[in-house]
Amino acid sequence: MIAIPKPCNESISKYLKEWGTLEKYTLQESSLGKLFHVHCPDNRDIESVLLKVSALNDFYSTNIYDTYTVAKHILKLSIDSRLKAGDRTLVNDLASVNTGGKVRNFYSFASKYCSHHKADDFPIYDSYVDKMLRHYRKVDKFSKFKNDDLKSYPVFIKIIESLREFYRVDSYTLRQLDIFLWLAGKEYLPNYYK
């Protein structure tokens, strides 16, 4: 069995360098950066929000089948001041959307939407990051969180901050740790679909 690398300067630096070589992802990220920061920096009109929701949904395959309803939900919440303030409760508010008469939880999408506005304040939650945090909890006991705690965004942030402190990698931003956890998770704990 191959040992999963610990969060340390050497392994984080290795994965950050690797990230820079992944043309598909870096081009998607720079395209989203242009959309979110140059063309549609705020969330005050349906066209801007719908463009951002649709682009994220496509690039990240978030399986949102009703992007219009999600965009209307975001618009209704008037999120710009909360984004600017780094209000981490915003992610869970964005995630809960009534679509087709059913309330759906688009938690990973919501973290991505906020992250693309302010990456260092809003790291991305996804299945690889989730698996890696659970792995390090089991192996090194860096934190005593419950699995469901990862779905409360403010608690998710505290868990990543605990990891940063435990492994003494506090020179890295939340976004850099997010990239490390995602790439390492993708390599060592991949999702298998039947």
Protein backbone atom coordinates (compact mmCIF):
# COMPACT_ATOMS: atom_id res chain seq x y z
CA MET A 1 0.00 0.00 0.00
CA ILE A 2 1.33 3.43 -0.98
CA ALA A 3 1.55 5.95 1.85
CA ILE A 4 -0.43 9.13 1.30
CA PRO A 5 1.90 12.13 1.70
CA LYS A 6 1.49 14.25 4.82
CA PRO A 7 0.81 17.96 4.52
CA CYS A 8 4.33 19.40 4.70
CA ASN A 9 6.32 21.99 2.79
CA GLU A 10 7.78 19.39 0.44
CA SER A 11 4.50 17.70 -0.52
CA ILE A 12 2.43 20.89 -0.71
CA SER A 13 5.08 22.58 -2.83
CA LYS A 14 5.23 19.54 -5.14
CA TYR A 15 1.47 19.60 -5.74
CA LEU A 16 1.37 23.38 -6.21
CA LYS A 17 4.04 23.05 -8.91
CA GLU A 18 2.08 20.22 -10.49
CA TRP A 19 -1.06 22.41 -10.46
CA GLY A 20 0.77 24.98 -12.57
CA THR A 21 1.45 22.35 -15.26
CA LEU A 22 -2.15 21.14 -15.63
CA GLU A 23 -3.16 23.14 -18.70
CA LYS A 24 -6.83 22.11 -18.68
CA TYR A 25 -7.36 23.22 -15.08
CA THR A 26 -5.19 26.33 -15.19
CA LEU A 27 -6.92 27.55 -18.37
CA GLN A 28 -10.35 26.87 -16.86
CA GLU A 29 -9.32 28.76 -13.71
CA SER A 30 -7.94 31.73 -15.64
CA SER A 31 -11.09 31.81 -17.81
CA LEU A 32 -13.26 31.78 -14.69
CA GLY A 33 -11.01 34.47 -13.18
CA LYS A 34 -11.64 36.69 -16.19
CA LEU A 35 -15.39 36.04 -15.98
CA PHE A 36 -15.66 36.55 -12.20
CA HIS A 37 -13.25 39.48 -11.81
CA VAL A 38 -13.28 41.37 -15.13
CA HIS A 39 -16.56 40.82 -16.95
CA CYS A 40 -19.00 39.97 -14.13
CA PRO A 41 -17.44 40.98 -10.80
CA ASP A 42 -20.69 41.56 -8.94
CA ASN A 43 -23.94 39.68 -8.51
CA ARG A 44 -26.56 42.35 -9.18
CA ASP A 45 -28.03 41.24 -12.49
CA ILE A 46 -29.36 37.89 -13.63
CA GLU A 47 -27.22 37.81 -16.79
CA SER A 48 -23.93 38.04 -14.87
CA VAL A 49 -24.97 35.50 -12.27
CA LEU A 50 -26.36 33.09 -14.87
CA LEU A 51 -23.12 33.27 -16.88
CA LYS A 52 -21.07 32.44 -13.77
CA VAL A 53 -23.37 29.63 -12.63
CA SER A 54 -23.37 28.10 -16.13
CA ALA A 55 -19.59 28.32 -16.55
CA LEU A 56 -18.90 26.78 -13.13
CA ASN A 57 -21.47 24.07 -13.76
CA ASP A 58 -19.82 23.18 -17.06
CA PHE A 59 -16.16 23.33 -15.96
CA TYR A 60 -16.72 21.50 -12.68
CA SER A 61 -19.52 19.14 -13.81
CA THR A 62 -21.61 20.07 -10.77
CA ASN A 63 -24.78 18.51 -12.18
CA ILE A 64 -27.01 21.54 -11.78
CA TYR A 65 -29.79 20.92 -14.27
CA ASP A 66 -31.64 24.15 -13.56
CA THR A 67 -28.98 26.86 -13.69
CA TYR A 68 -31.61 29.59 -14.04
CA THR A 69 -33.24 28.75 -10.69
CA VAL A 70 -29.83 28.62 -8.99
CA ALA A 71 -28.91 32.00 -10.51
CA LYS A 72 -32.22 33.52 -9.33
CA HIS A 73 -31.54 32.14 -5.83
CA ILE A 74 -28.08 33.77 -5.75
CA LEU A 75 -29.47 37.06 -7.05
CA LYS A 76 -32.23 37.07 -4.41
CA LEU A 77 -29.66 36.71 -1.60
CA SER A 78 -27.80 39.95 -2.55
CA ILE A 79 -24.45 38.38 -1.75
CA ASP A 80 -21.87 41.01 -2.73
CA SER A 81 -21.40 42.60 0.71
CA ARG A 82 -21.19 39.15 2.34
CA LEU A 83 -18.60 38.01 -0.21
CA LYS A 84 -16.55 41.16 0.36
CA ALA A 85 -16.69 40.60 4.12
CA GLY A 86 -15.64 36.94 3.74
CA ASP A 87 -18.85 35.77 5.46
CA ARG A 88 -18.39 32.03 5.52
CA THR A 89 -22.02 31.36 6.44
CA LEU A 90 -22.82 32.46 2.89
CA VAL A 91 -21.80 29.10 1.38
CA ASN A 92 -24.50 27.13 3.20
CA ASP A 93 -27.07 29.82 2.38
CA LEU A 94 -26.17 29.63 -1.32
CA ALA A 95 -26.17 25.83 -1.27
CA SER A 96 -29.80 25.35 -0.29
CA VAL A 97 -31.92 25.88 -3.42
CA ASN A 98 -35.56 25.03 -4.05
CA THR A 99 -35.65 23.65 -7.56
CA GLY A 100 -38.46 21.62 -9.06
CA GLY A 101 -40.41 21.71 -5.79
CA LYS A 102 -37.56 20.08 -3.87
CA VAL A 103 -34.85 21.70 -1.74
CA ARG A 104 -31.46 20.61 -3.04
CA ASN A 105 -28.07 21.08 -1.43
CA PHE A 106 -25.48 22.35 -3.92
CA TYR A 107 -22.80 22.67 -1.24
CA SER A 108 -19.73 21.95 -3.37
CA PHE A 109 -21.01 24.28 -6.09
CA ALA A 110 -21.67 27.05 -3.54
CA SER A 111 -18.11 26.79 -2.19
CA LYS A 112 -16.81 27.03 -5.77
CA TYR A 113 -19.00 30.05 -6.52
CA CYS A 114 -17.70 31.91 -3.47
CA SER A 115 -14.13 30.74 -4.03
CA HIS A 116 -14.05 32.18 -7.52
CA HIS A 117 -14.90 35.56 -6.06
CA LYS A 118 -12.40 35.35 -3.14
CA ALA A 119 -10.21 32.23 -3.33
CA ASP A 120 -8.18 32.83 -0.18
CA ASP A 121 -11.30 33.35 1.95
CA PHE A 122 -13.35 30.50 0.48
CA PRO A 123 -11.51 27.23 -0.18
CA ILE A 124 -13.41 24.70 -2.26
CA TYR A 125 -15.18 21.75 -0.69
CA ASP A 126 -15.34 18.63 -2.83
CA SER A 127 -15.22 14.86 -2.40
CA TYR A 128 -11.42 14.63 -2.70
CA VAL A 129 -10.84 17.29 -0.07
CA ASP A 130 -13.42 15.58 2.16
CA LYS A 131 -11.68 12.20 1.81
CA MET A 132 -8.25 13.66 2.53
CA LEU A 133 -9.43 15.45 5.67
CA ARG A 134 -11.04 12.22 6.91
CA HIS A 135 -7.85 10.31 6.11
CA TYR A 136 -5.62 12.69 8.10
CA ARG A 137 -8.11 12.64 10.98
CA LYS A 138 -7.94 8.85 11.07
CA VAL A 139 -4.16 8.54 10.63
CA ASP A 140 -2.84 11.49 12.64
CA LYS A 141 -5.87 12.60 14.67
CA PHE A 142 -5.27 16.26 13.81
CA SER A 143 -8.92 17.04 14.66
CA LYS A 144 -12.00 15.40 16.20
CA PHE A 145 -14.63 16.43 13.69
CA LYS A 146 -17.63 14.35 12.70
CA ASN A 147 -18.11 13.60 8.99
CA ASP A 148 -21.21 15.84 8.83
CA ASP A 149 -19.15 18.75 10.21
CA LEU A 150 -17.51 19.03 6.80
CA LYS A 151 -20.90 20.12 5.39
CA SER A 152 -21.07 23.17 7.66
CA TYR A 153 -18.83 25.60 5.81
CA PRO A 154 -17.61 27.64 8.83
CA VAL A 155 -16.69 24.35 10.55
CA PHE A 156 -15.07 23.07 7.33
CA ILE A 157 -12.83 26.16 7.38
CA LYS A 158 -11.91 25.54 11.03
CA ILE A 159 -11.00 21.95 10.16
CA ILE A 160 -8.64 23.11 7.40
CA GLU A 161 -7.18 25.69 9.77
CA SER A 162 -6.65 22.93 12.35
CA LEU A 163 -4.85 20.87 9.71
CA ARG A 164 -2.66 23.87 8.86
CA GLU A 165 -1.78 24.37 12.51
CA PHE A 166 -1.29 20.67 13.34
CA TYR A 167 1.10 20.05 10.45
CA ARG A 168 2.78 23.47 10.84
CA VAL A 169 2.10 24.58 7.28
CA ASP A 170 0.74 27.99 8.20
CA SER A 171 2.70 29.75 5.44
CA TYR A 172 0.18 28.34 2.94
CA THR A 173 -3.13 30.01 2.15
CA LEU A 174 -6.42 28.17 2.44
CA ARG A 175 -6.55 28.05 -1.36
CA GLN A 176 -3.08 26.49 -1.58
CA LEU A 177 -4.06 23.85 0.98
CA ASP A 178 -7.26 23.25 -0.97
CA ILE A 179 -5.24 22.61 -4.15
CA PHE A 180 -2.91 20.23 -2.28
CA LEU A 181 -5.80 18.28 -0.72
CA TRP A 182 -7.65 18.09 -4.06
CA LEU A 183 -4.68 16.89 -6.13
CA ALA A 184 -3.46 14.41 -3.49
CA GLY A 185 -7.01 13.13 -3.01
CA LYS A 186 -7.48 12.73 -6.74
CA GLU A 187 -4.24 10.71 -6.90
CA TYR A 188 -4.52 8.59 -3.74
CA LEU A 189 -8.25 8.40 -2.98
CA PRO A 190 -9.95 8.54 -6.38
CA ASN A 191 -13.68 8.22 -6.89
CA TYR A 192 -14.76 5.02 -8.57
CA TYR A 193 -18.02 5.06 -10.46
CA LYS A 194 -19.88 1.96 -11.60
